[in-house]
PDB file of all heavy atoms in Angstrom:
ATOM      1  N   PRO A   1       0.802  -1.291  -0.036  1.00  0.00           N
ATOM      2  CA  PRO A   1      -0.027   0.007   0.004  1.00  0.00           C
ATOM      3  C   PRO A   1       0.822   1.315  -0.020  1.00  0.00           C
ATOM      4  O   PRO A   1       0.400   2.324  -0.465  1.00  0.00           O
ATOM      5  CB  PRO A   1      -0.862  -0.157   1.257  1.00  0.00           C
ATOM      6  CG  PRO A   1      -0.086  -1.046   2.122  1.00  0.00           C
ATOM      7  CD  PRO A   1       0.610  -2.027   1.190  1.00  0.00           C
ATOM      8  N   VAL A   2       2.057   1.213   0.578  1.00  0.00           N
ATOM      9  CA  VAL A   2       2.915   2.348   0.521  1.00  0.00           C
ATOM     10  C   VAL A   2       3.357   2.689  -0.885  1.00  0.00           C
ATOM     11  O   VAL A   2       3.385   3.842  -1.390  1.00  0.00           O
ATOM     12  CB  VAL A   2       4.100   2.197   1.474  1.00  0.00           C
ATOM     13  CG1 VAL A   2       5.102   3.285   1.379  1.00  0.00           C
ATOM     14  CG2 VAL A   2       3.709   1.982   2.925  1.00  0.00           C
ATOM     15  N   ARG A   3       3.760   1.625  -1.688  1.00  0.00           N
ATOM     16  CA  ARG A   3       4.069   1.902  -2.971  1.00  0.00           C
ATOM     17  C   ARG A   3       2.928   2.338  -3.891  1.00  0.00           C
ATOM     18  O   ARG A   3       2.983   3.256  -4.739  1.00  0.00           O
ATOM     19  CB  ARG A   3       4.630   0.603  -3.607  1.00  0.00           C
ATOM     20  CG  ARG A   3       5.993   0.153  -3.043  1.00  0.00           C
ATOM     21  CD  ARG A   3       6.530  -1.062  -3.725  1.00  0.00           C
ATOM     22  NE  ARG A   3       7.559  -1.755  -3.072  1.00  0.00           N
ATOM     23  CZ  ARG A   3       8.792  -1.341  -3.108  1.00  0.00           C
ATOM     24  NH1 ARG A   3       9.215  -0.217  -3.768  1.00  0.00           N
ATOM     25  NH2 ARG A   3       9.805  -1.968  -2.450  1.00  0.00           N
ATOM     26  N   LEU A   4       1.859   1.784  -3.601  1.00  0.00           N
ATOM     27  CA  LEU A   4       0.538   2.099  -4.370  1.00  0.00           C
ATOM     28  C   LEU A   4       0.013   3.543  -4.131  1.00  0.00           C
ATOM     29  O   LEU A   4      -0.601   4.102  -4.965  1.00  0.00           O
ATOM     30  CB  LEU A   4      -0.501   1.078  -4.055  1.00  0.00           C
ATOM     31  CG  LEU A   4      -0.283  -0.303  -4.568  1.00  0.00           C
ATOM     32  CD1 LEU A   4      -1.484  -1.247  -4.128  1.00  0.00           C
ATOM     33  CD2 LEU A   4      -0.120  -0.429  -6.072  1.00  0.00           C
ATOM     34  N   ALA A   5       0.535   4.126  -3.019  1.00  0.00           N
ATOM     35  CA  ALA A   5       0.039   5.460  -2.754  1.00  0.00           C
ATOM     36  C   ALA A   5       0.648   6.397  -3.854  1.00  0.00           C
ATOM     37  O   ALA A   5      -0.080   7.450  -4.162  1.00  0.00           O
ATOM     38  CB  ALA A   5       0.610   5.934  -1.354  1.00  0.00           C
ATOM     39  N   GLY A   6       1.782   6.133  -4.487  1.00  0.00           N
ATOM     40  CA  GLY A   6       2.266   6.873  -5.587  1.00  0.00           C
ATOM     41  C   GLY A   6       2.728   8.298  -5.242  1.00  0.00           C
ATOM     42  O   GLY A   6       3.016   9.180  -6.117  1.00  0.00           O
ATOM     43  N   ASP A   7       2.918   8.546  -3.976  1.00  0.00           N
ATOM     44  CA  ASP A   7       3.530   9.790  -3.580  1.00  0.00           C
ATOM     45  C   ASP A   7       5.010   9.846  -3.759  1.00  0.00           C
ATOM     46  O   ASP A   7       5.665   8.960  -3.324  1.00  0.00           O
ATOM     47  CB  ASP A   7       3.128  10.130  -2.137  1.00  0.00           C
ATOM     48  CG  ASP A   7       3.582  11.518  -1.728  1.00  0.00           C
ATOM     49  OD1 ASP A   7       2.871  12.422  -1.909  1.00  0.00           O
ATOM     50  OD2 ASP A   7       4.658  11.521  -1.038  1.00  0.00           O
ATOM     51  N   PRO A   8       5.559  10.855  -4.362  1.00  0.00           N
ATOM     52  CA  PRO A   8       7.105  10.924  -4.612  1.00  0.00           C
ATOM     53  C   PRO A   8       7.917  10.910  -3.335  1.00  0.00           C
ATOM     54  O   PRO A   8       8.811  10.229  -3.260  1.00  0.00           O
ATOM     55  CB  PRO A   8       7.180  12.321  -5.389  1.00  0.00           C
ATOM     56  CG  PRO A   8       5.896  12.540  -6.016  1.00  0.00           C
ATOM     57  CD  PRO A   8       4.908  12.046  -5.044  1.00  0.00           C
ATOM     58  N   ALA A   9       7.427  11.623  -2.308  1.00  0.00           N
ATOM     59  CA  ALA A   9       8.129  11.641  -1.051  1.00  0.00           C
ATOM     60  C   ALA A   9       8.095  10.193  -0.459  1.00  0.00           C
ATOM     61  O   ALA A   9       9.123   9.802   0.059  1.00  0.00           O
ATOM     62  CB  ALA A   9       7.512  12.608  -0.054  1.00  0.00           C
ATOM     63  N   THR A  10       6.933   9.536  -0.437  1.00  0.00           N
ATOM     64  CA  THR A  10       6.872   8.197   0.126  1.00  0.00           C
ATOM     65  C   THR A  10       7.708   7.180  -0.720  1.00  0.00           C
ATOM     66  O   THR A  10       8.336   6.437  -0.138  1.00  0.00           O
ATOM     67  CB  THR A  10       5.388   7.815   0.146  1.00  0.00           C
ATOM     68  OG1 THR A  10       4.643   8.626   0.869  1.00  0.00           O
ATOM     69  CG2 THR A  10       5.302   6.420   0.754  1.00  0.00           C
ATOM     70  N   ALA A  11       7.694   7.479  -2.052  1.00  0.00           N
ATOM     71  CA  ALA A  11       8.568   6.541  -2.890  1.00  0.00           C
ATOM     72  C   ALA A  11      10.011   6.757  -2.505  1.00  0.00           C
ATOM     73  O   ALA A  11      10.804   5.708  -2.402  1.00  0.00           O
ATOM     74  CB  ALA A  11       8.354   6.983  -4.340  1.00  0.00           C
ATOM     75  N   ARG A  12      10.429   7.935  -2.111  1.00  0.00           N
ATOM     76  CA  ARG A  12      11.924   8.104  -1.713  1.00  0.00           C
ATOM     77  C   ARG A  12      12.151   7.350  -0.468  1.00  0.00           C
ATOM     78  O   ARG A  12      13.224   6.756  -0.094  1.00  0.00           O
ATOM     79  CB  ARG A  12      12.246   9.572  -1.643  1.00  0.00           C
ATOM     80  CG  ARG A  12      12.306  10.241  -3.030  1.00  0.00           C
ATOM     81  CD  ARG A  12      13.083  11.599  -2.865  1.00  0.00           C
ATOM     82  NE  ARG A  12      12.316  12.592  -2.182  1.00  0.00           N
ATOM     83  CZ  ARG A  12      11.377  13.381  -2.685  1.00  0.00           C
ATOM     84  NH1 ARG A  12      11.051  13.242  -4.030  1.00  0.00           N
ATOM     85  NH2 ARG A  12      10.846  14.185  -1.973  1.00  0.00           N
ATOM     86  N   LEU A  13      11.177   7.447   0.561  1.00  0.00           N
ATOM     87  CA  LEU A  13      11.264   6.737   1.743  1.00  0.00           C
ATOM     88  C   LEU A  13      11.399   5.242   1.488  1.00  0.00           C
ATOM     89  O   LEU A  13      12.296   4.551   2.059  1.00  0.00           O
ATOM     90  CB  LEU A  13      10.097   7.010   2.695  1.00  0.00           C
ATOM     91  CG  LEU A  13      10.126   8.355   3.410  1.00  0.00           C
ATOM     92  CD1 LEU A  13       8.845   8.542   4.193  1.00  0.00           C
ATOM     93  CD2 LEU A  13      11.308   8.514   4.268  1.00  0.00           C
ATOM     94  N   VAL A  14      10.501   4.735   0.673  1.00  0.00           N
ATOM     95  CA  VAL A  14      10.653   3.267   0.300  1.00  0.00           C
ATOM     96  C   VAL A  14      11.913   2.896  -0.264  1.00  0.00           C
ATOM     97  O   VAL A  14      12.598   1.853   0.109  1.00  0.00           O
ATOM     98  CB  VAL A  14       9.427   2.929  -0.581  1.00  0.00           C
ATOM     99  CG1 VAL A  14       9.611   1.527  -1.124  1.00  0.00           C
ATOM    100  CG2 VAL A  14       8.102   2.983   0.083  1.00  0.00           C
ATOM    101  N   ALA A  15      12.447   3.758  -1.235  1.00  0.00           N
ATOM    102  CA  ALA A  15      13.730   3.473  -1.855  1.00  0.00           C
ATOM    103  C   ALA A  15      14.876   3.451  -0.775  1.00  0.00           C
ATOM    104  O   ALA A  15      15.783   2.553  -0.872  1.00  0.00           O
ATOM    105  CB  ALA A  15      13.983   4.399  -2.920  1.00  0.00           C
ATOM    106  N   ALA A  16      14.778   4.401   0.072  1.00  0.00           N
ATOM    107  CA  ALA A  16      15.865   4.419   1.137  1.00  0.00           C
ATOM    108  C   ALA A  16      15.812   3.253   2.068  1.00  0.00           C
ATOM    109  O   ALA A  16      16.829   2.715   2.383  1.00  0.00           O
ATOM    110  CB  ALA A  16      15.761   5.759   1.907  1.00  0.00           C
ATOM    111  N   ALA A  17      14.520   2.920   2.457  1.00  0.00           N
ATOM    112  CA  ALA A  17      14.474   1.744   3.330  1.00  0.00           C
ATOM    113  C   ALA A  17      14.855   0.435   2.627  1.00  0.00           C
ATOM    114  O   ALA A  17      15.517  -0.424   3.196  1.00  0.00           O
ATOM    115  CB  ALA A  17      12.929   1.578   3.774  1.00  0.00           C
ATOM    116  N   ASP A  18      14.548   0.374   1.267  1.00  0.00           N
ATOM    117  CA  ASP A  18      14.991  -0.893   0.525  1.00  0.00           C
ATOM    118  C   ASP A  18      16.481  -0.897   0.523  1.00  0.00           C
ATOM    119  O   ASP A  18      17.077  -1.966   0.598  1.00  0.00           O
ATOM    120  CB  ASP A  18      14.331  -0.822  -0.818  1.00  0.00           C
ATOM    121  CG  ASP A  18      12.887  -1.203  -0.816  1.00  0.00           C
ATOM    122  OD1 ASP A  18      12.452  -1.698   0.202  1.00  0.00           O
ATOM    123  OD2 ASP A  18      12.231  -1.044  -1.787  1.00  0.00           O
ATOM    124  N   ALA A  19      17.139   0.227   0.250  1.00  0.00           N
ATOM    125  CA  ALA A  19      18.551   0.265   0.171  1.00  0.00           C
ATOM    126  C   ALA A  19      19.234  -0.065   1.455  1.00  0.00           C
ATOM    127  O   ALA A  19      20.245  -0.883   1.527  1.00  0.00           O
ATOM    128  CB  ALA A  19      19.072   1.744  -0.259  1.00  0.00           C
ATOM    129  N   ARG A  20      18.641   0.477   2.562  1.00  0.00           N
ATOM    130  CA  ARG A  20      19.092   0.188   3.895  1.00  0.00           C
ATOM    131  C   ARG A  20      19.048  -1.288   4.222  1.00  0.00           C
ATOM    132  O   ARG A  20      19.883  -2.045   4.724  1.00  0.00           O
ATOM    133  CB  ARG A  20      18.309   1.015   4.930  1.00  0.00           C
ATOM    134  CG  ARG A  20      18.507   0.540   6.433  1.00  0.00           C
ATOM    135  CD  ARG A  20      19.789   1.081   6.979  1.00  0.00           C
ATOM    136  NE  ARG A  20      19.673   1.100   8.454  1.00  0.00           N
ATOM    137  CZ  ARG A  20      20.074   0.097   9.211  1.00  0.00           C
ATOM    138  NH1 ARG A  20      20.351  -1.018   8.756  1.00  0.00           N
ATOM    139  NH2 ARG A  20      20.010   0.315  10.583  1.00  0.00           N
ATOM    140  N   LEU A  21      17.869  -1.873   3.817  1.00  0.00           N
ATOM    141  CA  LEU A  21      17.608  -3.277   4.201  1.00  0.00           C
ATOM    142  C   LEU A  21      18.562  -4.216   3.392  1.00  0.00           C
ATOM    143  O   LEU A  21      19.134  -5.059   3.820  1.00  0.00           O
ATOM    144  CB  LEU A  21      16.190  -3.665   3.756  1.00  0.00           C
ATOM    145  CG  LEU A  21      15.786  -5.115   3.910  1.00  0.00           C
ATOM    146  CD1 LEU A  21      15.823  -5.629   5.261  1.00  0.00           C
ATOM    147  CD2 LEU A  21      14.327  -5.273   3.432  1.00  0.00           C
ATOM    148  N   ALA A  22      18.689  -3.867   2.074  1.00  0.00           N
ATOM    149  CA  ALA A  22      19.558  -4.584   1.191  1.00  0.00           C
ATOM    150  C   ALA A  22      21.028  -4.656   1.645  1.00  0.00           C
ATOM    151  O   ALA A  22      21.767  -5.647   1.786  1.00  0.00           O
ATOM    152  CB  ALA A  22      19.468  -4.150  -0.174  1.00  0.00           C
ATOM    153  N   ASP A  23      21.512  -3.431   2.084  1.00  0.00           N
ATOM    154  CA  ASP A  23      22.912  -3.276   2.546  1.00  0.00           C
ATOM    155  C   ASP A  23      23.141  -4.024   3.827  1.00  0.00           C
ATOM    156  O   ASP A  23      24.167  -4.646   4.090  1.00  0.00           O
ATOM    157  CB  ASP A  23      23.163  -1.803   2.736  1.00  0.00           C
ATOM    158  CG  ASP A  23      23.469  -1.108   1.466  1.00  0.00           C
ATOM    159  OD1 ASP A  23      23.696  -1.749   0.438  1.00  0.00           O
ATOM    160  OD2 ASP A  23      23.428   0.171   1.349  1.00  0.00           O
ATOM    161  N   THR A  24      22.108  -3.995   4.785  1.00  0.00           N
ATOM    162  CA  THR A  24      22.153  -4.622   5.961  1.00  0.00           C
ATOM    163  C   THR A  24      22.288  -6.127   5.781  1.00  0.00           C
ATOM    164  O   THR A  24      23.212  -6.752   6.489  1.00  0.00           O
ATOM    165  CB  THR A  24      20.970  -4.280   6.834  1.00  0.00           C
ATOM    166  OG1 THR A  24      20.960  -2.907   7.184  1.00  0.00           O
ATOM    167  CG2 THR A  24      20.967  -5.095   8.180  1.00  0.00           C
ATOM    168  N   TRP A  25      21.411  -6.767   5.028  1.00  0.00           N
ATOM    169  CA  TRP A  25      21.540  -8.184   4.844  1.00  0.00           C
ATOM    170  C   TRP A  25      22.759  -8.563   4.091  1.00  0.00           C
ATOM    171  O   TRP A  25      23.370  -9.656   4.368  1.00  0.00           O
ATOM    172  CB  TRP A  25      20.296  -8.672   4.086  1.00  0.00           C
ATOM    173  CG  TRP A  25      19.080  -8.759   4.962  1.00  0.00           C
ATOM    174  CD1 TRP A  25      17.972  -7.863   4.977  1.00  0.00           C
ATOM    175  CD2 TRP A  25      18.877  -9.680   6.053  1.00  0.00           C
ATOM    176  NE1 TRP A  25      17.112  -8.193   5.874  1.00  0.00           N
ATOM    177  CE2 TRP A  25      17.589  -9.302   6.642  1.00  0.00           C
ATOM    178  CE3 TRP A  25      19.611 -10.735   6.540  1.00  0.00           C
ATOM    179  CZ2 TRP A  25      17.118 -10.012   7.681  1.00  0.00           C
ATOM    180  CZ3 TRP A  25      19.016 -11.394   7.662  1.00  0.00           C
ATOM    181  CH2 TRP A  25      17.803 -11.057   8.161  1.00  0.00           C
ATOM    182  N   ARG A  26      23.201  -7.731   3.205  1.00  0.00           N
ATOM    183  CA  ARG A  26      24.509  -8.035   2.503  1.00  0.00           C
ATOM    184  C   ARG A  26      25.622  -8.001   3.462  1.00  0.00           C
ATOM    185  O   ARG A  26      26.493  -8.878   3.398  1.00  0.00           O
ATOM    186  CB  ARG A  26      24.762  -6.935   1.389  1.00  0.00           C
ATOM    187  CG  ARG A  26      25.942  -7.313   0.445  1.00  0.00           C
ATOM    188  CD  ARG A  26      26.116  -6.277  -0.592  1.00  0.00           C
ATOM    189  NE  ARG A  26      24.895  -6.028  -1.336  1.00  0.00           N
ATOM    190  CZ  ARG A  26      24.112  -4.947  -1.352  1.00  0.00           C
ATOM    191  NH1 ARG A  26      24.412  -4.019  -0.584  1.00  0.00           N
ATOM    192  NH2 ARG A  26      23.096  -4.935  -2.131  1.00  0.00           N
ATOM    193  N   THR A  27      25.701  -7.022   4.352  1.00  0.00           N
ATOM    194  CA  THR A  27      26.785  -6.979   5.413  1.00  0.00           C
ATOM    195  C   THR A  27      26.743  -8.112   6.328  1.00  0.00           C
ATOM    196  O   THR A  27      27.713  -8.799   6.664  1.00  0.00           O
ATOM    197  CB  THR A  27      26.623  -5.704   6.230  1.00  0.00           C
ATOM    198  OG1 THR A  27      26.711  -4.517   5.428  1.00  0.00           O
ATOM    199  CG2 THR A  27      27.625  -5.660   7.338  1.00  0.00           C
ATOM    200  N   ILE A  28      25.556  -8.560   6.663  1.00  0.00           N
ATOM    201  CA  ILE A  28      25.422  -9.755   7.639  1.00  0.00           C
ATOM    202  C   ILE A  28      25.851 -11.042   6.849  1.00  0.00           C
ATOM    203  O   ILE A  28      26.613 -11.801   7.455  1.00  0.00           O
ATOM    204  CB  ILE A  28      23.958  -9.837   8.026  1.00  0.00           C
ATOM    205  CG1 ILE A  28      23.528  -8.777   9.002  1.00  0.00           C
ATOM    206  CG2 ILE A  28      23.708 -11.230   8.770  1.00  0.00           C
ATOM    207  CD1 ILE A  28      22.048  -8.677   9.386  1.00  0.00           C
ATOM    208  N   SER A  29      25.435 -11.110   5.687  1.00  0.00           N
ATOM    209  CA  SER A  29      25.839 -12.328   4.859  1.00  0.00           C
ATOM    210  C   SER A  29      27.362 -12.399   4.705  1.00  0.00           C
ATOM    211  O   SER A  29      28.002 -13.376   4.776  1.00  0.00           O
ATOM    212  CB  SER A  29      25.040 -12.363   3.506  1.00  0.00           C
ATOM    213  OG  SER A  29      25.484 -13.394   2.781  1.00  0.00           O
ATOM    214  N   GLU A  30      27.978 -11.254   4.393  1.00  0.00           N
ATOM    215  CA  GLU A  30      29.441 -11.180   4.081  1.00  0.00           C
ATOM    216  C   GLU A  30      30.218 -11.460   5.408  1.00  0.00           C
ATOM    217  O   GLU A  30      31.264 -12.049   5.391  1.00  0.00           O
ATOM    218  CB  GLU A  30      29.815  -9.864   3.480  1.00  0.00           C
ATOM    219  CG  GLU A  30      29.324  -9.663   2.084  1.00  0.00           C
ATOM    220  CD  GLU A  30      29.555  -8.294   1.545  1.00  0.00           C
ATOM    221  OE1 GLU A  30      29.934  -7.478   2.359  1.00  0.00           O
ATOM    222  OE2 GLU A  30      29.297  -8.077   0.327  1.00  0.00           O
ATOM    223  N   LYS A  31      29.723 -10.965   6.526  1.00  0.00           N
ATOM    224  CA  LYS A  31      30.493 -10.994   7.742  1.00  0.00           C
ATOM    225  C   LYS A  31      30.335 -12.385   8.353  1.00  0.00           C
ATOM    226  O   LYS A  31      31.329 -12.992   8.911  1.00  0.00           O
ATOM    227  CB  LYS A  31      29.982 -10.008   8.808  1.00  0.00           C
ATOM    228  CG  LYS A  31      30.711 -10.011  10.110  1.00  0.00           C
ATOM    229  CD  LYS A  31      30.274  -8.810  11.006  1.00  0.00           C
ATOM    230  CE  LYS A  31      31.120  -8.816  12.306  1.00  0.00           C
ATOM    231  NZ  LYS A  31      30.710  -7.624  13.098  1.00  0.00           N
ATOM    232  N   TYR A  32      29.116 -12.967   8.363  1.00  0.00           N
ATOM    233  CA  TYR A  32      28.857 -14.263   9.114  1.00  0.00           C
ATOM    234  C   TYR A  32      28.712 -15.481   8.151  1.00  0.00           C
ATOM    235  O   TYR A  32      28.814 -16.551   8.650  1.00  0.00           O
ATOM    236  CB  TYR A  32      27.719 -14.034  10.004  1.00  0.00           C
ATOM    237  CG  TYR A  32      27.957 -13.031  11.044  1.00  0.00           C
ATOM    238  CD1 TYR A  32      27.168 -11.851  11.005  1.00  0.00           C
ATOM    239  CD2 TYR A  32      28.811 -13.124  12.149  1.00  0.00           C
ATOM    240  CE1 TYR A  32      27.283 -10.856  11.971  1.00  0.00           C
ATOM    241  CE2 TYR A  32      28.931 -12.152  12.983  1.00  0.00           C
ATOM    242  CZ  TYR A  32      28.148 -10.987  13.049  1.00  0.00           C
ATOM    243  OH  TYR A  32      28.399 -10.003  13.910  1.00  0.00           O
ATOM    244  N   GLY A  33      28.351 -15.121   6.995  1.00  0.00           N
ATOM    245  CA  GLY A  33      27.960 -16.307   6.029  1.00  0.00           C
ATOM    246  C   GLY A  33      26.522 -16.808   6.192  1.00  0.00           C
ATOM    247  O   GLY A  33      25.962 -16.747   7.271  1.00  0.00           O
ATOM    248  N   MET A  34      25.997 -17.168   5.117  1.00  0.00           N
ATOM    249  CA  MET A  34      24.686 -17.835   5.136  1.00  0.00           C
ATOM    250  C   MET A  34      24.890 -19.162   4.473  1.00  0.00           C
ATOM    251  O   MET A  34      25.097 -19.342   3.243  1.00  0.00           O
ATOM    252  CB  MET A  34      23.644 -17.001   4.238  1.00  0.00           C
ATOM    253  CG  MET A  34      23.366 -15.655   4.897  1.00  0.00           C
ATOM    254  SD  MET A  34      22.374 -15.837   6.381  1.00  0.00           S
ATOM    255  CE  MET A  34      22.200 -14.121   7.005  1.00  0.00           C
ATOM    256  N   LEU A  35      24.878 -20.216   5.271  1.00  0.00           N
ATOM    257  CA  LEU A  35      25.469 -21.554   4.904  1.00  0.00           C
ATOM    258  C   LEU A  35      24.233 -22.524   4.473  1.00  0.00           C
ATOM    259  O   LEU A  35      23.267 -22.502   5.106  1.00  0.00           O
ATOM    260  CB  LEU A  35      26.215 -22.157   6.105  1.00  0.00           C
ATOM    261  CG  LEU A  35      27.331 -21.316   6.699  1.00  0.00           C
ATOM    262  CD1 LEU A  35      27.862 -22.100   7.888  1.00  0.00           C
ATOM    263  CD2 LEU A  35      28.362 -21.036   5.668  1.00  0.00           C
ATOM    264  N   THR A  36      24.615 -23.244   3.464  1.00  0.00           N
ATOM    265  CA  THR A  36      23.716 -24.327   3.074  1.00  0.00           C
ATOM    266  C   THR A  36      24.001 -25.539   3.990  1.00  0.00           C
ATOM    267  O   THR A  36      25.059 -25.598   4.580  1.00  0.00           O
ATOM    268  CB  THR A  36      23.812 -24.691   1.587  1.00  0.00           C
ATOM    269  OG1 THR A  36      25.079 -25.169   1.392  1.00  0.00           O
ATOM    270  CG2 THR A  36      23.566 -23.474   0.751  1.00  0.00           C
ATOM    271  N   ALA A  37      23.140 -26.559   3.984  1.00  0.00           N
ATOM    272  CA  ALA A  37      23.443 -27.799   4.656  1.00  0.00           C
ATOM    273  C   ALA A  37      24.655 -28.421   4.028  1.00  0.00           C
ATOM    274  O   ALA A  37      25.412 -29.103   4.814  1.00  0.00           O
ATOM    275  CB  ALA A  37      22.232 -28.739   4.543  1.00  0.00           C
ATOM    276  N   THR A  38      24.778 -28.315   2.790  1.00  0.00           N
ATOM    277  CA  THR A  38      26.040 -28.884   2.057  1.00  0.00           C
ATOM    278  C   THR A  38      27.300 -28.282   2.734  1.00  0.00           C
ATOM    279  O   THR A  38      28.308 -29.001   2.910  1.00  0.00           O
ATOM    280  CB  THR A  38      25.972 -28.747   0.660  1.00  0.00           C
ATOM    281  OG1 THR A  38      24.787 -29.342   0.100  1.00  0.00           O
ATOM    282  CG2 THR A  38      27.208 -29.296  -0.024  1.00  0.00           C
ATOM    283  N   GLU A  39      27.288 -26.995   2.820  1.00  0.00           N
ATOM    284  CA  GLU A  39      28.444 -26.278   3.407  1.00  0.00           C
ATOM    285  C   GLU A  39      28.759 -26.669   4.852  1.00  0.00           C
ATOM    286  O   GLU A  39      29.854 -26.718   5.263  1.00  0.00           O
ATOM    287  CB  GLU A  39      28.224 -24.750   3.308  1.00  0.00           C
ATOM    288  CG  GLU A  39      28.349 -24.292   1.757  1.00  0.00           C
ATOM    289  CD  GLU A  39      27.890 -22.813   1.568  1.00  0.00           C
ATOM    290  OE1 GLU A  39      26.999 -22.368   2.302  1.00  0.00           O
ATOM    291  OE2 GLU A  39      28.349 -22.232   0.671  1.00  0.00           O
ATOM    292  N   VAL A  40      27.708 -26.701   5.623  1.00  0.00           N
ATOM    293  CA  VAL A  40      27.840 -27.289   7.005  1.00  0.00           C
ATOM    294  C   VAL A  40      28.470 -28.665   7.053  1.00  0.00           C
ATOM    295  O   VAL A  40      29.372 -28.904   7.822  1.00  0.00           O
ATOM    296  CB  VAL A  40      26.507 -27.113   7.867  1.00  0.00           C
ATOM    297  CG1 VAL A  40      26.726 -27.669   9.234  1.00  0.00           C
ATOM    298  CG2 VAL A  40      25.965 -25.738   7.833  1.00  0.00           C
ATOM    299  N   ALA A  41      27.969 -29.470   6.222  1.00  0.00           N
ATOM    300  CA  ALA A  41      28.468 -30.872   6.197  1.00  0.00           C
ATOM    301  C   ALA A  41      29.935 -30.897   5.755  1.00  0.00           C
ATOM    302  O   ALA A  41      30.781 -31.713   6.320  1.00  0.00           O
ATOM    303  CB  ALA A  41      27.630 -31.701   5.121  1.00  0.00           C
ATOM    304  N   SER A  42      30.404 -29.975   4.928  1.00  0.00           N
ATOM    305  CA  SER A  42      31.771 -29.895   4.464  1.00  0.00           C
ATOM    306  C   SER A  42      32.704 -29.517   5.705  1.00  0.00           C
ATOM    307  O   SER A  42      33.687 -30.066   5.902  1.00  0.00           O
ATOM    308  CB  SER A  42      31.961 -28.914   3.339  1.00  0.00           C
ATOM    309  OG  SER A  42      33.337 -28.786   2.987  1.00  0.00           O
ATOM    310  N   VAL A  43      32.141 -28.556   6.395  1.00  0.00           N
ATOM    311  CA  VAL A  43      32.867 -28.039   7.689  1.00  0.00           C
ATOM    312  C   VAL A  43      33.032 -29.218   8.719  1.00  0.00           C
ATOM    313  O   VAL A  43      34.022 -29.401   9.417  1.00  0.00           O
ATOM    314  CB  VAL A  43      32.310 -26.834   8.269  1.00  0.00           C
ATOM    315  CG1 VAL A  43      32.814 -26.492   9.551  1.00  0.00           C
ATOM    316  CG2 VAL A  43      32.448 -25.688   7.265  1.00  0.00           C
ATOM    317  N   ALA A  44      31.871 -29.905   8.855  1.00  0.00           N
ATOM    318  CA  ALA A  44      31.743 -30.901   9.879  1.00  0.00           C
ATOM    319  C   ALA A  44      32.388 -32.219   9.440  1.00  0.00           C
ATOM    320  O   ALA A  44      32.532 -33.128  10.397  1.00  0.00           O
ATOM    321  CB  ALA A  44      30.254 -31.168  10.206  1.00  0.00           C
ATOM    322  N   HIS A  45      32.777 -32.362   8.328  1.00  0.00           N
ATOM    323  CA  HIS A  45      33.334 -33.605   7.769  1.00  0.00           C
ATOM    324  C   HIS A  45      32.434 -34.837   8.059  1.00  0.00           C
ATOM    325  O   HIS A  45      32.832 -35.838   8.457  1.00  0.00           O
ATOM    326  CB  HIS A  45      34.740 -33.877   8.342  1.00  0.00           C
ATOM    327  CG  HIS A  45      35.677 -32.800   8.138  1.00  0.00           C
ATOM    328  ND1 HIS A  45      36.198 -32.441   6.881  1.00  0.00           N
ATOM    329  CD2 HIS A  45      36.251 -31.883   9.007  1.00  0.00           C
ATOM    330  CE1 HIS A  45      37.040 -31.445   7.016  1.00  0.00           C
ATOM    331  NE2 HIS A  45      37.101 -31.054   8.158  1.00  0.00           N
ATOM    332  N   ARG A  46      31.107 -34.590   7.779  1.00  0.00           N
ATOM    333  CA  ARG A  46      30.106 -35.660   7.927  1.00  0.00           C
ATOM    334  C   ARG A  46      29.331 -35.721   6.619  1.00  0.00           C
ATOM    335  O   ARG A  46      29.369 -34.876   5.804  1.00  0.00           O
ATOM    336  CB  ARG A  46      29.246 -35.347   9.166  1.00  0.00           C
ATOM    337  CG  ARG A  46      30.018 -35.278  10.357  1.00  0.00           C
ATOM    338  CD  ARG A  46      28.986 -34.884  11.550  1.00  0.00           C
ATOM    339  NE  ARG A  46      27.837 -35.730  11.770  1.00  0.00           N
ATOM    340  CZ  ARG A  46      26.704 -35.387  12.387  1.00  0.00           C
ATOM    341  NH1 ARG A  46      26.649 -34.270  12.880  1.00  0.00           N
ATOM    342  NH2 ARG A  46      25.766 -36.305  12.471  1.00  0.00           N
TER     343      ARG A  46
END
C-alpha cells in the first residue's frame, strides 16, 4: 500500500528503506556467512 500510494516523497522513503535493508542483509551475509546444509556438512566432515 505504501508503493501504491504513488506519492514521490513516500517513494523516496521506500527506496531508502529498501537500500538500507539490502545493505544490512548483504553486510550480515558477508560477515557471518549464510550456509547451506552442504556447506555445514563440509565443515563438519560428515
